[in-house]
C-alpha atoms as a PDB file:
ATOM      1  CA  MET A   1      41.887 217.295 -84.953  1.00  0.00           C
ATOM      2  CA  GLN A   2      44.014 220.023 -83.465  1.00  0.00           C
ATOM      3  CA  PRO A   3      46.526 218.593 -80.960  1.00  0.00           C
ATOM      4  CA  VAL A   4      47.165 220.013 -77.524  1.00  0.00           C
ATOM      5  CA  SER A   5      50.730 220.962 -76.773  1.00  0.00           C
ATOM      6  CA  ARG A   6      51.659 219.460 -73.426  1.00  0.00           C
ATOM      7  CA  HIS A   7      54.663 221.788 -73.287  1.00  0.00           C
ATOM      8  CA  VAL A   8      52.409 224.821 -73.642  1.00  0.00           C
ATOM      9  CA  LEU A   9      50.046 223.459 -71.004  1.00  0.00           C
ATOM     10  CA  GLY A  10      52.885 222.700 -68.644  1.00  0.00           C
ATOM     11  CA  PHE A  11      54.434 226.137 -69.044  1.00  0.00           C
ATOM     12  CA  ALA A  12      51.092 227.862 -68.492  1.00  0.00           C
ATOM     13  CA  VAL A  13      50.241 226.050 -65.293  1.00  0.00           C
ATOM     14  CA  LEU A  14      53.728 226.209 -63.833  1.00  0.00           C
ATOM     15  CA  ALA A  15      53.650 229.965 -64.225  1.00  0.00           C
ATOM     16  CA  VAL A  16      50.669 230.141 -61.846  1.00  0.00           C
ATOM     17  CA  ILE A  17      51.379 231.265 -58.306  1.00  0.00           C
ATOM     18  CA  VAL A  18      49.288 229.316 -55.827  1.00  0.00           C
ATOM     19  CA  ALA A  19      47.691 231.707 -53.342  1.00  0.00           C
ATOM     20  CA  PRO A  20      46.873 230.796 -49.749  1.00  0.00           C
ATOM     21  CA  SER A  21      43.379 229.411 -49.144  1.00  0.00           C
ATOM     22  CA  ALA A  22      42.769 231.536 -46.060  1.00  0.00           C
ATOM     23  CA  GLN A  23      41.918 234.590 -48.135  1.00  0.00           C
ATOM     24  CA  GLY A  24      38.292 235.451 -48.790  1.00  0.00           C
ATOM     25  CA  PRO A  25      36.272 236.324 -51.880  1.00  0.00           C
ATOM     26  CA  GLU A  26      37.698 239.842 -51.625  1.00  0.00           C
ATOM     27  CA  ASN A  27      41.144 238.556 -52.683  1.00  0.00           C
ATOM     28  CA  GLU A  28      42.678 240.172 -55.764  1.00  0.00           C
ATOM     29  CA  CYS A  29      42.650 237.016 -57.885  1.00  0.00           C
ATOM     30  CA  ARG A  30      39.655 237.176 -60.209  1.00  0.00           C
ATOM     31  CA  THR A  31      38.763 235.772 -63.622  1.00  0.00           C
ATOM     32  CA  PRO A  32      38.216 238.044 -66.642  1.00  0.00           C
ATOM     33  CA  LEU A  33      34.480 237.864 -65.797  1.00  0.00           C
ATOM     34  CA  GLY A  34      35.183 239.147 -62.272  1.00  0.00           C
ATOM     35  CA  ILE A  35      34.583 235.861 -60.431  1.00  0.00           C
ATOM     36  CA  PRO A  36      36.949 235.186 -57.477  1.00  0.00           C
ATOM     37  CA  CYS A  37      39.508 232.446 -58.122  1.00  0.00           C
ATOM     38  CA  HIS A  38      38.580 229.403 -56.047  1.00  0.00           C
ATOM     39  CA  SER A  39      38.460 225.637 -55.593  1.00  0.00           C
ATOM     40  CA  ILE A  40      35.295 224.057 -54.170  1.00  0.00           C
ATOM     41  CA  HIS A  41      35.077 220.503 -52.844  1.00  0.00           C
ATOM     42  CA  PHE A  42      31.655 218.848 -53.093  1.00  0.00           C
ATOM     43  CA  LYS A  43      30.090 215.616 -51.922  1.00  0.00           C
ATOM     44  CA  SER A  44      26.809 214.240 -53.221  1.00  0.00           C
ATOM     45  CA  SER A  45      24.499 211.278 -52.809  1.00  0.00           C
ATOM     46  CA  GLN A  46      21.653 210.116 -55.020  1.00  0.00           C
ATOM     47  CA  TRP A  47      19.001 207.395 -54.648  1.00  0.00           C
ATOM     48  CA  GLN A  48      16.603 206.251 -57.354  1.00  0.00           C
ATOM     49  CA  ASN A  49      14.079 203.679 -56.173  1.00  0.00           C
ATOM     50  CA  PHE A  50      11.334 201.431 -57.587  1.00  0.00           C
ATOM     51  CA  LYS A  51      11.558 202.581 -61.217  1.00  0.00           C
ATOM     52  CA  ASN A  52      11.314 199.001 -62.505  1.00  0.00           C
ATOM     53  CA  GLY A  53       9.939 197.284 -59.397  1.00  0.00           C
ATOM     54  CA  LEU A  54      10.313 197.206 -55.633  1.00  0.00           C
ATOM     55  CA  LEU A  55      13.815 195.714 -55.821  1.00  0.00           C
ATOM     56  CA  ASP A  56      15.083 198.314 -58.289  1.00  0.00           C
ATOM     57  CA  ILE A  57      17.149 200.464 -55.918  1.00  0.00           C
ATOM     58  CA  ARG A  58      20.085 202.457 -57.261  1.00  0.00           C
ATOM     59  CA  HIS A  59      22.523 204.544 -55.254  1.00  0.00           C
ATOM     60  CA  SER A  60      25.489 206.673 -56.285  1.00  0.00           C
ATOM     61  CA  ARG A  61      28.048 208.700 -54.347  1.00  0.00           C
ATOM     62  CA  HIS A  62      30.086 211.468 -55.904  1.00  0.00           C
ATOM     63  CA  THR A  63      33.039 213.536 -54.732  1.00  0.00           C
ATOM     64  CA  GLN A  64      33.949 216.454 -56.949  1.00  0.00           C
ATOM     65  CA  VAL A  65      36.160 219.532 -57.174  1.00  0.00           C
ATOM     66  CA  GLY A  66      35.273 222.603 -59.207  1.00  0.00           C
ATOM     67  CA  ALA A  67      37.898 225.309 -59.742  1.00  0.00           C
ATOM     68  CA  VAL A  68      38.487 228.476 -61.750  1.00  0.00           C
ATOM     69  CA  ARG A  69      41.745 230.365 -62.164  1.00  0.00           C
ATOM     70  CA  ARG A  70      42.741 233.906 -63.059  1.00  0.00           C
ATOM     71  CA  ASP A  71      42.983 233.399 -66.848  1.00  0.00           C
ATOM     72  CA  GLY A  72      39.412 232.041 -67.042  1.00  0.00           C
ATOM     73  CA  SER A  73      40.356 228.356 -67.218  1.00  0.00           C
ATOM     74  CA  SER A  74      38.099 225.976 -65.302  1.00  0.00           C
ATOM     75  CA  TYR A  75      38.363 222.482 -63.859  1.00  0.00           C
ATOM     76  CA  SER A  76      35.723 219.944 -62.899  1.00  0.00           C
ATOM     77  CA  GLY A  77      36.716 216.498 -61.740  1.00  0.00           C
ATOM     78  CA  GLY A  78      35.884 213.789 -59.286  1.00  0.00           C
ATOM     79  CA  GLN A  79      34.952 210.191 -58.623  1.00  0.00           C
ATOM     80  CA  ILE A  80      31.593 208.440 -58.901  1.00  0.00           C
ATOM     81  CA  GLN A  81      30.632 205.161 -57.240  1.00  0.00           C
ATOM     82  CA  ALA A  82      27.317 203.573 -58.198  1.00  0.00           C
ATOM     83  CA  TYR A  83      25.442 200.526 -56.904  1.00  0.00           C
ATOM     84  CA  ALA A  84      22.299 198.798 -58.161  1.00  0.00           C
ATOM     85  CA  LEU A  85      20.597 196.217 -55.915  1.00  0.00           C
ATOM     86  CA  LEU A  86      18.674 194.509 -58.725  1.00  0.00           C
ATOM     87  CA  ASP A  87      21.681 194.036 -60.997  1.00  0.00           C
ATOM     88  CA  LYS A  88      24.156 193.625 -58.118  1.00  0.00           C
ATOM     89  CA  TRP A  89      26.832 195.754 -59.740  1.00  0.00           C
ATOM     90  CA  LEU A  90      29.253 198.232 -58.309  1.00  0.00           C
ATOM     91  CA  GLU A  91      30.990 200.736 -60.529  1.00  0.00           C
ATOM     92  CA  GLY A  92      33.564 203.430 -59.904  1.00  0.00           C
ATOM     93  CA  LYS A  93      34.598 206.073 -62.404  1.00  0.00           C
ATOM     94  CA  THR A  94      36.907 209.074 -62.410  1.00  0.00           C
ATOM     95  CA  HIS A  95      36.139 212.071 -64.607  1.00  0.00           C
ATOM     96  CA  THR A  96      37.979 215.286 -65.463  1.00  0.00           C
ATOM     97  CA  HIS A  97      36.731 218.143 -67.623  1.00  0.00           C
ATOM     98  CA  LEU A  98      38.812 221.235 -68.422  1.00  0.00           C
ATOM     99  CA  TYR A  99      38.375 224.496 -70.233  1.00  0.00           C
ATOM    100  CA  LEU A 100      41.828 225.885 -71.042  1.00  0.00           C
ATOM    101  CA  ALA A 101      41.483 229.590 -71.757  1.00  0.00           C
ATOM    102  CA  PRO A 102      44.951 230.241 -73.302  1.00  0.00           C
ATOM    103  CA  GLU A 103      44.276 227.633 -76.022  1.00  0.00           C
ATOM    104  CA  ASP A 104      40.468 228.089 -76.035  1.00  0.00           C
ATOM    105  CA  ARG A 105      40.090 224.299 -75.875  1.00  0.00           C
ATOM    106  CA  VAL A 106      37.737 221.913 -74.102  1.00  0.00           C
ATOM    107  CA  VAL A 107      39.619 218.895 -72.745  1.00  0.00           C
ATOM    108  CA  ARG A 108      38.229 215.677 -71.256  1.00  0.00           C
ATOM    109  CA  ILE A 109      40.655 213.353 -69.490  1.00  0.00           C
ATOM    110  CA  LEU A 110      39.643 209.678 -69.609  1.00  0.00           C
ATOM    111  CA  HIS A 111      41.704 208.140 -66.830  1.00  0.00           C
ATOM    112  CA  GLU A 112      40.387 204.594 -67.262  1.00  0.00           C
ATOM    113  CA  LYS A 113      41.559 204.646 -70.902  1.00  0.00           C
ATOM    114  CA  ARG A 114      44.702 206.699 -70.170  1.00  0.00           C
ATOM    115  CA  SER A 115      43.705 209.110 -72.918  1.00  0.00           C
ATOM    116  CA  PHE A 116      42.250 212.574 -73.432  1.00  0.00           C
ATOM    117  CA  THR A 117      40.205 214.496 -75.983  1.00  0.00           C
ATOM    118  CA  SER A 118      40.551 218.103 -77.117  1.00  0.00           C
ATOM    119  CA  ARG A 119      38.104 220.170 -79.173  1.00  0.00           C
ATOM    120  CA  GLU A 120      37.014 223.726 -79.800  1.00  0.00           C
ATOM    121  CA  PRO A 121      34.130 225.113 -77.687  1.00  0.00           C
ATOM    122  CA  MET A 122      30.845 224.122 -79.356  1.00  0.00           C
ATOM    123  CA  ILE A 123      28.222 224.476 -76.588  1.00  0.00           C
ATOM    124  CA  TRP A 124      27.178 227.745 -74.977  1.00  0.00           C
ATOM    125  CA  HIS A 125      28.515 226.676 -71.568  1.00  0.00           C
ATOM    126  CA  ASP A 126      31.872 225.366 -72.833  1.00  0.00           C
ATOM    127  CA  ARG A 127      33.370 228.778 -72.145  1.00  0.00           C
ATOM    128  CA  PRO A 128      33.012 230.636 -68.812  1.00  0.00           C
ATOM    129  CA  TYR A 129      29.760 232.512 -68.302  1.00  0.00           C
ATOM    130  CA  ARG A 130      28.077 234.614 -65.635  1.00  0.00           C
ATOM    131  CA  ARG A 131      25.368 233.001 -63.505  1.00  0.00           C
ATOM    132  CA  SER A 132      23.999 236.278 -62.187  1.00  0.00           C
ATOM    133  CA  LYS A 133      24.054 240.017 -62.708  1.00  0.00           C
ATOM    134  CA  ASP A 134      26.266 242.407 -60.749  1.00  0.00           C
ATOM    135  CA  GLY A 135      24.876 243.385 -57.366  1.00  0.00           C
ATOM    136  CA  ASP A 136      22.432 240.464 -57.162  1.00  0.00           C
ATOM    137  CA  ALA A 137      22.540 240.005 -53.380  1.00  0.00           C
ATOM    138  CA  ASN A 138      19.638 237.517 -53.342  1.00  0.00           C
ATOM    139  CA  CYS A 139      20.571 235.637 -56.540  1.00  0.00           C
ATOM    140  CA  THR A 140      17.232 236.482 -58.142  1.00  0.00           C
ATOM    141  CA  THR A 141      18.911 236.262 -61.549  1.00  0.00           C
ATOM    142  CA  GLY A 142      21.082 233.297 -60.614  1.00  0.00           C
ATOM    143  CA  ILE A 143      18.116 231.146 -59.550  1.00  0.00           C
ATOM    144  CA  ARG A 144      16.598 231.392 -63.028  1.00  0.00           C
ATOM    145  CA  HIS A 145      18.907 228.569 -64.140  1.00  0.00           C
ATOM    146  CA  PHE A 146      16.657 226.307 -62.031  1.00  0.00           C
ATOM    147  CA  GLY A 147      13.330 227.788 -63.126  1.00  0.00           C
ATOM    148  CA  VAL A 148      10.966 230.636 -62.345  1.00  0.00           C
ATOM    149  CA  ASP A 149       8.811 228.918 -59.702  1.00  0.00           C
ATOM    150  CA  LEU A 150      11.236 228.991 -56.754  1.00  0.00           C
ATOM    151  CA  ARG A 151      10.678 231.280 -53.775  1.00  0.00           C
ATOM    152  CA  LEU A 152      13.266 232.983 -51.568  1.00  0.00           C
ATOM    153  CA  THR A 153      12.917 231.612 -48.025  1.00  0.00           C
ATOM    154  CA  GLY A 154      15.964 232.738 -46.067  1.00  0.00           C
ATOM    155  CA  THR A 155      19.718 232.800 -45.629  1.00  0.00           C
ATOM    156  CA  SER A 156      22.288 230.355 -44.300  1.00  0.00           C
ATOM    157  CA  THR A 157      25.981 229.459 -44.437  1.00  0.00           C
ATOM    158  CA  VAL A 158      27.616 226.589 -46.352  1.00  0.00           C
ATOM    159  CA  ALA A 159      31.329 225.810 -45.917  1.00  0.00           C
ATOM    160  CA  GLY A 160      31.737 229.192 -44.212  1.00  0.00           C
ATOM    161  CA  VAL A 161      30.223 231.141 -47.115  1.00  0.00           C
ATOM    162  CA  PRO A 162      26.925 233.099 -46.814  1.00  0.00           C
ATOM    163  CA  VAL A 163      24.189 231.719 -49.075  1.00  0.00           C
ATOM    164  CA  VAL A 164      20.568 232.508 -49.906  1.00  0.00           C
ATOM    165  CA  LYS A 165      18.000 229.721 -49.781  1.00  0.00           C
ATOM    166  CA  TRP A 166      15.396 229.127 -52.492  1.00  0.00           C
ATOM    167  CA  GLU A 167      12.668 226.471 -52.367  1.00  0.00           C
ATOM    168  CA  ARG A 168       9.860 224.911 -54.358  1.00  0.00           C
ATOM    169  CA  GLY A 169       7.534 221.916 -54.099  1.00  0.00           C
ATOM    170  CA  ASP A 170       4.479 221.008 -52.057  1.00  0.00           C
ATOM    171  CA  GLY A 171       6.445 219.430 -49.199  1.00  0.00           C
ATOM    172  CA  ARG A 172       4.618 216.119 -49.598  1.00  0.00           C
ATOM    173  CA  SER A 173       5.128 214.552 -53.013  1.00  0.00           C
ATOM    174  CA  TRP A 174       8.248 216.558 -53.752  1.00  0.00           C
ATOM    175  CA  ALA A 175      10.497 219.281 -52.362  1.00  0.00           C
ATOM    176  CA  GLU A 176      13.613 221.077 -53.548  1.00  0.00           C
ATOM    177  CA  GLU A 177      16.039 223.450 -51.830  1.00  0.00           C
ATOM    178  CA  VAL A 178      18.792 225.437 -53.559  1.00  0.00           C
ATOM    179  CA  TYR A 179      21.472 227.426 -51.698  1.00  0.00           C
ATOM    180  CA  LEU A 180      23.310 230.013 -53.827  1.00  0.00           C
ATOM    181  CA  ALA A 181      26.376 232.084 -52.904  1.00  0.00           C
ATOM    182  CA  PRO A 182      26.174 235.742 -54.053  1.00  0.00           C
ATOM    183  CA  SER A 183      29.945 236.180 -53.483  1.00  0.00           C
ATOM    184  CA  LEU A 184      30.632 233.378 -56.010  1.00  0.00           C
ATOM    185  CA  ASP A 185      28.401 234.638 -58.845  1.00  0.00           C
ATOM    186  CA  CYS A 186      25.528 232.648 -57.320  1.00  0.00           C
ATOM    187  CA  GLU A 187      27.322 229.316 -57.466  1.00  0.00           C
ATOM    188  CA  THR A 188      25.220 226.454 -56.046  1.00  0.00           C
ATOM    189  CA  LEU A 189      26.837 225.367 -52.763  1.00  0.00           C
ATOM    190  CA  LYS A 190      24.020 223.103 -51.607  1.00  0.00           C
ATOM    191  CA  HIS A 191      21.141 221.376 -53.378  1.00  0.00           C
ATOM    192  CA  TYR A 192      18.514 219.047 -51.948  1.00  0.00           C
ATOM    193  CA  MET A 193      15.672 217.299 -53.801  1.00  0.00           C
ATOM    194  CA  ILE A 194      13.239 214.517 -52.913  1.00  0.00           C
ATOM    195  CA  ARG A 195      10.253 212.956 -54.686  1.00  0.00           C
ATOM    196  CA  ARG A 196       7.769 210.555 -53.080  1.00  0.00           C
ATOM    197  CA  THR A 197       4.963 208.224 -54.101  1.00  0.00           C
ATOM    198  CA  PRO A 198       1.372 209.000 -53.004  1.00  0.00           C
ATOM    199  CA  TRP A 199       2.075 206.627 -50.085  1.00  0.00           C
ATOM    200  CA  GLY A 200       5.107 208.633 -48.956  1.00  0.00           C
ATOM    201  CA  LEU A 201       7.837 206.285 -50.209  1.00  0.00           C
ATOM    202  CA  PRO A 202      10.855 208.171 -51.619  1.00  0.00           C
ATOM    203  CA  THR A 203      11.404 207.397 -55.314  1.00  0.00           C
ATOM    204  CA  PHE A 204      14.209 209.913 -55.866  1.00  0.00           C
ATOM    205  CA  PHE A 205      16.580 211.659 -53.498  1.00  0.00           C
ATOM    206  CA  GLN A 206      19.576 213.872 -54.258  1.00  0.00           C
ATOM    207  CA  SER A 207      21.838 215.832 -51.950  1.00  0.00           C
ATOM    208  CA  VAL A 208      24.819 217.945 -53.044  1.00  0.00           C
ATOM    209  CA  GLU A 209      26.849 220.098 -50.663  1.00  0.00           C
ATOM    210  CA  ALA A 210      30.146 221.976 -50.669  1.00  0.00           C
ATOM    211  CA  THR A 211      32.406 220.700 -47.911  1.00  0.00           C
ATOM    212  CA  SER A 212      35.245 223.226 -48.228  1.00  0.00           C
ATOM    213  CA  ILE A 213      36.278 226.249 -50.284  1.00  0.00           C
ATOM    214  CA  GLU A 214      39.821 227.417 -51.006  1.00  0.00           C
ATOM    215  CA  TRP A 215      40.237 231.011 -52.195  1.00  0.00           C
ATOM    216  CA  GLY A 216      42.931 232.051 -54.663  1.00  0.00           C
ATOM    217  CA  GLU A 217      44.553 230.305 -57.616  1.00  0.00           C
ATOM    218  CA  PRO A 218      43.751 226.567 -57.757  1.00  0.00           C
ATOM    219  CA  GLN A 219      46.497 223.955 -57.634  1.00  0.00           C
ATOM    220  CA  ALA A 220      48.443 224.060 -60.894  1.00  0.00           C
ATOM    221  CA  GLU A 221      48.429 220.283 -61.401  1.00  0.00           C
ATOM    222  CA  LEU A 222      44.654 220.268 -61.832  1.00  0.00           C
ATOM    223  CA  PHE A 223      45.121 221.729 -65.302  1.00  0.00           C
ATOM    224  CA  VAL A 224      47.889 219.386 -66.502  1.00  0.00           C
ATOM    225  CA  VAL A 225      47.204 216.560 -68.989  1.00  0.00           C
ATOM    226  CA  PRO A 226      49.260 213.504 -67.919  1.00  0.00           C
ATOM    227  CA  PRO A 227      52.220 213.321 -70.335  1.00  0.00           C
ATOM    228  CA  ASP A 228      51.789 209.585 -71.021  1.00  0.00           C
ATOM    229  CA  TYR A 229      48.102 209.871 -72.004  1.00  0.00           C
ATOM    230  CA  GLN A 230      47.214 209.475 -75.687  1.00  0.00           C
ATOM    231  CA  GLN A 231      45.012 211.979 -77.491  1.00  0.00           C
ATOM    232  CA  ILE A 232      41.910 210.492 -79.150  1.00  0.00           C
ATOM    233  CA  GLU A 233      38.951 211.971 -80.968  1.00  0.00           C
ATOM    234  CA  ASP A 234      36.073 213.087 -78.775  1.00  0.00           C
ATOM    235  CA  PRO A 235      33.294 210.480 -79.225  1.00  0.00           C
ATOM    236  CA  MET A 236      30.712 213.254 -78.792  1.00  0.00           C
ATOM    237  CA  LEU A 237      31.973 215.272 -81.767  1.00  0.00           C
ATOM    238  CA  PRO A 238      29.498 213.862 -84.352  1.00  0.00           C
ATOM    239  CA  SER A 239      26.456 214.702 -82.206  1.00  0.00           C
ATOM    240  CA  LEU A 240      27.905 218.116 -81.290  1.00  0.00           C
ATOM    241  CA  ARG A 241      28.420 218.940 -84.962  1.00  0.00           C
ATOM    242  CA  LEU A 242      24.888 217.858 -85.825  1.00  0.00           C
ATOM    243  CA  GLY A 243      23.540 219.989 -83.007  1.00  0.00           C
ATOM    244  CA  ARG A 244      25.479 223.031 -84.178  1.00  0.00           C
ATOM    245  CA  GLN A 245      24.294 222.550 -87.764  1.00  0.00           C
ATOM    246  CA  ALA A 246      20.691 222.167 -86.637  1.00  0.00           C
ATOM    247  CA  GLY A 247      20.952 225.411 -84.689  1.00  0.00           C
ATOM    248  CA  SER A 248      22.548 227.392 -87.517  1.00  0.00           C
ATOM    249  CA  PRO A 249      20.429 229.907 -89.446  1.00  0.00           C
ATOM    250  CA  GLY A 250      19.085 228.574 -92.715  1.00  0.00           C
ATOM    251  CA  THR A 251      19.456 224.889 -91.851  1.00  0.00           C
ATOM    252  CA  HIS A 252      15.750 224.309 -91.115  1.00  0.00           C
END
């Protein structure tokens, strides 16, 4: 397994100049794909009820930051707290996922184990990609990541950023709302979904919303692997390799 040089990582991130957050999407810092450099703070809540009985109620809360910087590197990290009434357990986890463009490596930081993994990109979305086509003011191409049955119903603002609103569902047994930001390559800034029983009881509820957006280069320390963490092999490598082999021409 190819090691990650902490010295190289440290040098790369320290060379970044952190730009003020008061700029807008028109700032000059953009990724090689043309996406404005940014950091987005999210909060989310999810309920799953009655799957295995009336007392089976599960709830999770999630705070997350997503960031991209000028060289195309990306960061996704946050904390999850989950609670299950039936099993009476409470769990908290911290997760960090990086794509480091200079090394073309995918890095997962496992804080609970004080370790990290590093591998080559093996999935189509490991590297940066465009969510929409240029000039898509209504995110008609960006919404296709959710399906082809959503309808455009209006506009709004989330965390100070203009968004377009897409919806689907019958409004009774289920409903879904998706708010996409054209200025951020149709990034999802708000997402709401609910499903109900025939008697109107909610069986699933999810709400995700951006709480703040900082324009410009993200904080450099987001992309630094802690120097005292040990590198281990990615436990997902065997399944990723099998998946790549199954998708290769001539393997069927």
